[in-house]
């Protein structure tokens, strides 16, 4: 079922979960999905507009066909807290990283469409 809700998971959360997973001796190989938290693309755009009011932002196209409401409870229970990144912080960090790449010429402004 298509939904306008998507899962937000920051790379720092994934890295932290990975480090927790490999930092202990284990006698089994369990498999988990990291899902993050349900949010929406309009919410992301609202946060970006607060960070960069002059940015020209829009969204179009079909809703993303991914489940966004899966629980991370099982992996959190197994690994412990791996440091959730609040959505606004994750978007700010990502925005700042792109600004740095643009400033040093490592990314062309029109490379993203």
N, C-alpha and C. Protein backbone atom coordinates (compact mmCIF):
# COMPACT_ATOMS: atom_id res chain seq x y z
N UNK A 1 0.84 -1.18 0.00
CA UNK A 1 0.00 0.00 0.00
C UNK A 1 0.88 1.25 0.00
N UNK A 2 0.60 2.17 -0.88
CA UNK A 2 1.36 3.41 -0.95
C UNK A 2 0.94 4.34 0.17
N UNK A 3 1.91 5.10 0.65
CA UNK A 3 1.62 6.03 1.74
C UNK A 3 2.49 7.26 1.60
N UNK A 4 2.03 8.38 2.14
CA UNK A 4 2.87 9.58 2.11
C UNK A 4 3.82 9.61 3.31
N UNK A 5 3.75 8.59 4.14
CA UNK A 5 4.65 8.47 5.27
C UNK A 5 5.86 7.64 4.84
N UNK A 6 7.04 8.14 5.18
CA UNK A 6 8.28 7.43 4.86
C UNK A 6 9.11 7.30 6.13
N UNK A 7 10.07 6.43 6.09
CA UNK A 7 10.95 6.22 7.23
C UNK A 7 12.18 7.12 7.12
N UNK A 8 12.53 7.75 8.23
CA UNK A 8 13.74 8.59 8.27
C UNK A 8 14.78 7.90 9.14
N UNK A 9 15.92 7.65 8.56
CA UNK A 9 17.02 7.00 9.27
C UNK A 9 18.31 7.68 8.83
N UNK A 10 19.00 8.31 9.75
CA UNK A 10 20.22 9.05 9.44
C UNK A 10 21.41 8.10 9.40
N UNK A 11 22.38 8.42 8.58
CA UNK A 11 23.58 7.59 8.44
C UNK A 11 24.30 7.43 9.79
N UNK A 12 24.27 8.45 10.65
CA UNK A 12 24.90 8.32 11.96
C UNK A 12 24.24 7.23 12.80
N UNK A 13 22.92 7.07 12.65
CA UNK A 13 22.22 6.01 13.37
C UNK A 13 22.65 4.64 12.86
N UNK A 14 22.77 4.52 11.55
CA UNK A 14 23.18 3.25 10.95
C UNK A 14 24.60 2.89 11.39
N UNK A 15 25.49 3.87 11.34
CA UNK A 15 26.88 3.63 11.74
C UNK A 15 26.96 3.24 13.21
N UNK A 16 26.22 3.91 14.05
CA UNK A 16 26.23 3.60 15.48
C UNK A 16 25.68 2.20 15.75
N UNK A 17 24.60 1.83 15.06
CA UNK A 17 24.04 0.49 15.23
C UNK A 17 25.05 -0.56 14.77
N UNK A 18 25.73 -0.31 13.66
CA UNK A 18 26.74 -1.25 13.16
C UNK A 18 27.86 -1.43 14.18
N UNK A 19 28.35 -0.32 14.73
CA UNK A 19 29.43 -0.40 15.72
C UNK A 19 28.98 -1.19 16.93
N UNK A 20 27.76 -0.95 17.40
CA UNK A 20 27.24 -1.72 18.54
C UNK A 20 27.14 -3.20 18.19
N UNK A 21 26.74 -3.50 16.95
CA UNK A 21 26.56 -4.88 16.54
C UNK A 21 27.88 -5.65 16.50
N UNK A 22 28.97 -4.99 16.12
CA UNK A 22 30.24 -5.70 15.96
C UNK A 22 31.18 -5.51 17.16
N UNK A 23 30.75 -4.75 18.15
CA UNK A 23 31.66 -4.45 19.26
C UNK A 23 31.62 -5.49 20.37
N UNK A 24 30.74 -6.47 20.26
CA UNK A 24 30.66 -7.53 21.26
C UNK A 24 30.85 -8.88 20.59
N UNK A 25 31.46 -9.78 21.31
CA UNK A 25 31.56 -11.17 20.85
C UNK A 25 30.15 -11.76 20.90
N UNK A 26 29.72 -12.35 19.81
CA UNK A 26 28.37 -12.93 19.76
C UNK A 26 28.48 -14.35 19.21
N UNK A 27 27.54 -15.20 19.62
CA UNK A 27 27.56 -16.58 19.16
C UNK A 27 26.42 -16.88 18.20
N UNK A 28 25.87 -15.83 17.64
CA UNK A 28 24.79 -15.99 16.67
C UNK A 28 24.85 -14.85 15.65
N UNK A 29 24.21 -15.07 14.54
CA UNK A 29 24.15 -14.03 13.50
C UNK A 29 22.70 -13.66 13.28
N UNK A 30 22.23 -12.67 14.00
CA UNK A 30 20.84 -12.22 13.89
C UNK A 30 20.74 -11.18 12.78
N UNK A 31 19.56 -11.10 12.18
CA UNK A 31 19.30 -10.15 11.11
C UNK A 31 18.15 -9.24 11.54
N UNK A 32 18.37 -7.92 11.37
CA UNK A 32 17.35 -6.94 11.73
C UNK A 32 17.22 -5.92 10.61
N UNK A 33 16.09 -5.27 10.58
CA UNK A 33 15.90 -4.10 9.73
C UNK A 33 15.99 -2.87 10.61
N UNK A 34 16.71 -1.86 10.14
CA UNK A 34 16.70 -0.56 10.81
C UNK A 34 15.68 0.28 10.06
N UNK A 35 14.71 0.79 10.76
CA UNK A 35 13.64 1.50 10.08
C UNK A 35 13.62 2.99 10.38
N UNK A 36 14.11 3.41 11.49
CA UNK A 36 14.03 4.83 11.82
C UNK A 36 12.67 5.21 12.34
N UNK A 37 12.24 6.42 12.01
CA UNK A 37 10.95 6.89 12.50
C UNK A 37 10.08 7.36 11.34
N UNK A 38 8.76 7.14 11.47
CA UNK A 38 7.86 7.59 10.41
C UNK A 38 7.82 9.12 10.34
N UNK A 39 7.87 9.62 9.13
CA UNK A 39 7.78 11.05 8.88
C UNK A 39 7.22 11.23 7.47
N UNK A 40 7.28 12.41 6.93
CA UNK A 40 6.78 12.62 5.57
C UNK A 40 7.70 13.58 4.83
N UNK A 41 7.68 13.48 3.52
CA UNK A 41 8.49 14.39 2.71
C UNK A 41 8.06 15.83 2.93
N UNK A 42 6.75 16.14 3.01
CA UNK A 42 6.38 17.53 3.33
C UNK A 42 6.99 18.02 4.66
N UNK A 43 7.10 17.13 5.64
CA UNK A 43 7.74 17.53 6.90
C UNK A 43 9.22 17.84 6.67
N UNK A 44 9.90 17.05 5.83
CA UNK A 44 11.31 17.32 5.52
C UNK A 44 11.44 18.68 4.86
N UNK A 45 10.54 18.97 3.91
CA UNK A 45 10.60 20.25 3.20
C UNK A 45 10.34 21.41 4.15
N UNK A 46 9.44 21.23 5.09
CA UNK A 46 9.17 22.29 6.07
C UNK A 46 10.43 22.58 6.90
N UNK A 47 11.12 21.54 7.31
CA UNK A 47 12.36 21.71 8.08
C UNK A 47 13.41 22.41 7.22
N UNK A 48 13.55 21.98 5.96
CA UNK A 48 14.52 22.62 5.06
C UNK A 48 14.20 24.08 4.81
N UNK A 49 12.92 24.41 4.70
CA UNK A 49 12.53 25.81 4.51
C UNK A 49 12.93 26.65 5.72
N UNK A 50 12.90 26.06 6.91
CA UNK A 50 13.35 26.76 8.11
C UNK A 50 14.85 26.97 8.12
N UNK A 51 15.59 26.02 7.56
CA UNK A 51 17.05 26.09 7.52
C UNK A 51 17.51 27.03 6.40
N UNK A 52 16.85 26.93 5.25
CA UNK A 52 17.25 27.70 4.06
C UNK A 52 16.01 28.32 3.43
N UNK A 53 15.52 29.42 4.01
CA UNK A 53 14.27 30.03 3.54
C UNK A 53 14.28 30.42 2.06
N UNK A 54 15.43 30.72 1.50
CA UNK A 54 15.49 31.14 0.09
C UNK A 54 15.53 29.96 -0.88
N UNK A 55 15.66 28.75 -0.36
CA UNK A 55 15.76 27.57 -1.23
C UNK A 55 14.46 27.37 -2.01
N UNK A 56 14.59 26.95 -3.24
CA UNK A 56 13.43 26.64 -4.07
C UNK A 56 13.17 25.15 -3.96
N UNK A 57 12.15 24.78 -3.22
CA UNK A 57 11.87 23.38 -2.95
C UNK A 57 10.49 23.00 -3.47
N UNK A 58 10.40 21.81 -4.02
CA UNK A 58 9.11 21.29 -4.45
C UNK A 58 9.17 19.77 -4.37
N UNK A 59 8.00 19.19 -4.46
CA UNK A 59 7.96 17.73 -4.49
C UNK A 59 6.91 17.33 -5.51
N UNK A 60 7.18 16.24 -6.19
CA UNK A 60 6.27 15.74 -7.21
C UNK A 60 6.49 14.25 -7.35
N UNK A 61 5.56 13.61 -7.97
CA UNK A 61 5.72 12.19 -8.25
C UNK A 61 4.88 11.32 -7.34
N UNK A 62 5.00 10.05 -7.56
CA UNK A 62 4.23 9.07 -6.81
C UNK A 62 4.75 8.96 -5.37
N UNK A 63 3.86 8.55 -4.52
CA UNK A 63 4.26 8.29 -3.15
C UNK A 63 5.23 7.11 -3.14
N UNK A 64 6.10 7.08 -2.15
CA UNK A 64 7.09 6.00 -2.06
C UNK A 64 6.44 4.72 -1.52
N UNK A 65 6.67 3.58 -2.18
CA UNK A 65 6.00 2.34 -1.80
C UNK A 65 6.76 1.54 -0.73
N UNK A 66 7.17 2.20 0.33
CA UNK A 66 7.94 1.53 1.36
C UNK A 66 7.19 1.61 2.69
N UNK A 67 7.19 0.55 3.48
CA UNK A 67 6.55 0.63 4.79
C UNK A 67 7.35 1.56 5.70
N UNK A 68 6.67 2.42 6.41
CA UNK A 68 7.36 3.39 7.26
C UNK A 68 7.06 3.17 8.73
N UNK A 69 6.17 2.26 9.03
CA UNK A 69 5.73 2.12 10.40
C UNK A 69 6.23 0.83 11.05
N UNK A 70 7.33 0.30 10.56
CA UNK A 70 7.92 -0.90 11.17
C UNK A 70 8.66 -0.51 12.44
N UNK A 71 8.60 -1.36 13.42
CA UNK A 71 9.21 -1.05 14.70
C UNK A 71 10.69 -1.42 14.73
N UNK A 72 11.49 -0.58 15.40
CA UNK A 72 12.90 -0.88 15.67
C UNK A 72 13.08 -1.49 17.05
N UNK A 73 11.98 -1.84 17.72
CA UNK A 73 12.06 -2.31 19.10
C UNK A 73 12.95 -3.55 19.25
N UNK A 74 12.86 -4.48 18.32
CA UNK A 74 13.64 -5.71 18.43
C UNK A 74 15.14 -5.45 18.33
N UNK A 75 15.56 -4.65 17.36
CA UNK A 75 16.98 -4.36 17.21
C UNK A 75 17.47 -3.48 18.36
N UNK A 76 16.64 -2.54 18.81
CA UNK A 76 17.00 -1.70 19.96
C UNK A 76 17.18 -2.56 21.21
N UNK A 77 16.31 -3.54 21.38
CA UNK A 77 16.41 -4.44 22.54
C UNK A 77 17.70 -5.26 22.48
N UNK A 78 18.05 -5.72 21.29
CA UNK A 78 19.23 -6.56 21.13
C UNK A 78 20.53 -5.77 21.26
N UNK A 79 20.60 -4.61 20.62
CA UNK A 79 21.83 -3.82 20.61
C UNK A 79 21.91 -2.81 21.74
N UNK A 80 20.78 -2.37 22.23
CA UNK A 80 20.75 -1.25 23.15
C UNK A 80 20.60 0.04 22.35
N UNK A 81 20.58 1.14 23.03
CA UNK A 81 20.38 2.44 22.38
C UNK A 81 21.57 2.74 21.47
N UNK A 82 21.29 2.98 20.21
CA UNK A 82 22.37 3.33 19.29
C UNK A 82 22.26 4.78 18.82
N UNK A 83 21.64 5.59 19.64
CA UNK A 83 21.67 7.03 19.42
C UNK A 83 20.81 7.55 18.30
N UNK A 84 19.50 7.63 18.51
CA UNK A 84 18.66 8.20 17.45
C UNK A 84 19.03 9.65 17.16
N UNK A 85 18.96 10.02 15.90
CA UNK A 85 19.24 11.39 15.46
C UNK A 85 17.90 12.05 15.19
N UNK A 86 17.56 13.12 15.91
CA UNK A 86 16.30 13.81 15.63
C UNK A 86 16.25 14.26 14.17
N UNK A 87 15.06 14.20 13.59
CA UNK A 87 14.89 14.52 12.17
C UNK A 87 15.48 15.88 11.82
N UNK A 88 15.18 16.90 12.60
CA UNK A 88 15.68 18.24 12.29
C UNK A 88 17.21 18.27 12.32
N UNK A 89 17.83 17.58 13.27
CA UNK A 89 19.29 17.54 13.35
C UNK A 89 19.89 16.81 12.14
N UNK A 90 19.26 15.71 11.75
CA UNK A 90 19.76 14.96 10.60
C UNK A 90 19.67 15.75 9.31
N UNK A 91 18.57 16.46 9.12
CA UNK A 91 18.42 17.27 7.92
C UNK A 91 19.41 18.43 7.95
N UNK A 92 19.60 19.07 9.10
CA UNK A 92 20.57 20.17 9.23
C UNK A 92 21.98 19.68 8.93
N UNK A 93 22.36 18.54 9.48
CA UNK A 93 23.70 17.98 9.26
C UNK A 93 23.91 17.67 7.77
N UNK A 94 22.91 17.09 7.14
CA UNK A 94 23.00 16.74 5.72
C UNK A 94 23.07 18.01 4.86
N UNK A 95 22.25 19.00 5.18
CA UNK A 95 22.27 20.27 4.45
C UNK A 95 23.65 20.92 4.57
N UNK A 96 24.19 20.97 5.78
CA UNK A 96 25.52 21.57 5.98
C UNK A 96 26.60 20.82 5.22
N UNK A 97 26.50 19.50 5.15
CA UNK A 97 27.48 18.71 4.40
C UNK A 97 27.42 19.05 2.91
N UNK A 98 26.22 19.18 2.36
CA UNK A 98 26.09 19.55 0.95
C UNK A 98 26.63 20.95 0.70
N UNK A 99 26.38 21.88 1.64
CA UNK A 99 26.91 23.24 1.48
C UNK A 99 28.44 23.21 1.43
N UNK A 100 29.07 22.40 2.29
CA UNK A 100 30.53 22.31 2.28
C UNK A 100 31.03 21.72 0.97
N UNK A 101 30.36 20.70 0.46
CA UNK A 101 30.75 20.11 -0.83
C UNK A 101 30.64 21.12 -1.96
N UNK A 102 29.55 21.89 -1.96
CA UNK A 102 29.38 22.93 -2.98
C UNK A 102 30.46 23.99 -2.87
N UNK A 103 30.76 24.41 -1.64
CA UNK A 103 31.74 25.49 -1.42
C UNK A 103 33.12 25.11 -1.92
N UNK A 104 33.49 23.85 -1.79
CA UNK A 104 34.84 23.46 -2.24
C UNK A 104 34.84 22.89 -3.65
N UNK A 105 33.69 22.96 -4.33
CA UNK A 105 33.62 22.53 -5.73
C UNK A 105 33.55 21.04 -5.93
N UNK A 106 33.28 20.30 -4.88
CA UNK A 106 33.20 18.84 -4.98
C UNK A 106 31.84 18.37 -5.48
N UNK A 107 30.91 19.31 -5.59
CA UNK A 107 29.57 18.99 -6.08
C UNK A 107 29.07 20.18 -6.88
N UNK A 108 28.58 19.95 -8.06
CA UNK A 108 28.06 21.04 -8.88
C UNK A 108 26.64 21.37 -8.45
N UNK A 109 26.28 22.65 -8.41
CA UNK A 109 24.93 23.05 -7.98
C UNK A 109 23.82 22.39 -8.79
N UNK A 110 24.06 22.14 -10.05
CA UNK A 110 23.03 21.53 -10.89
C UNK A 110 23.14 20.00 -10.95
N UNK A 111 23.97 19.41 -10.11
CA UNK A 111 24.14 17.96 -10.11
C UNK A 111 22.94 17.27 -9.49
N UNK A 112 22.17 17.99 -8.71
CA UNK A 112 21.00 17.42 -8.06
C UNK A 112 19.76 17.93 -8.77
N UNK A 113 18.88 17.03 -9.12
CA UNK A 113 17.63 17.47 -9.79
C UNK A 113 16.45 16.79 -9.15
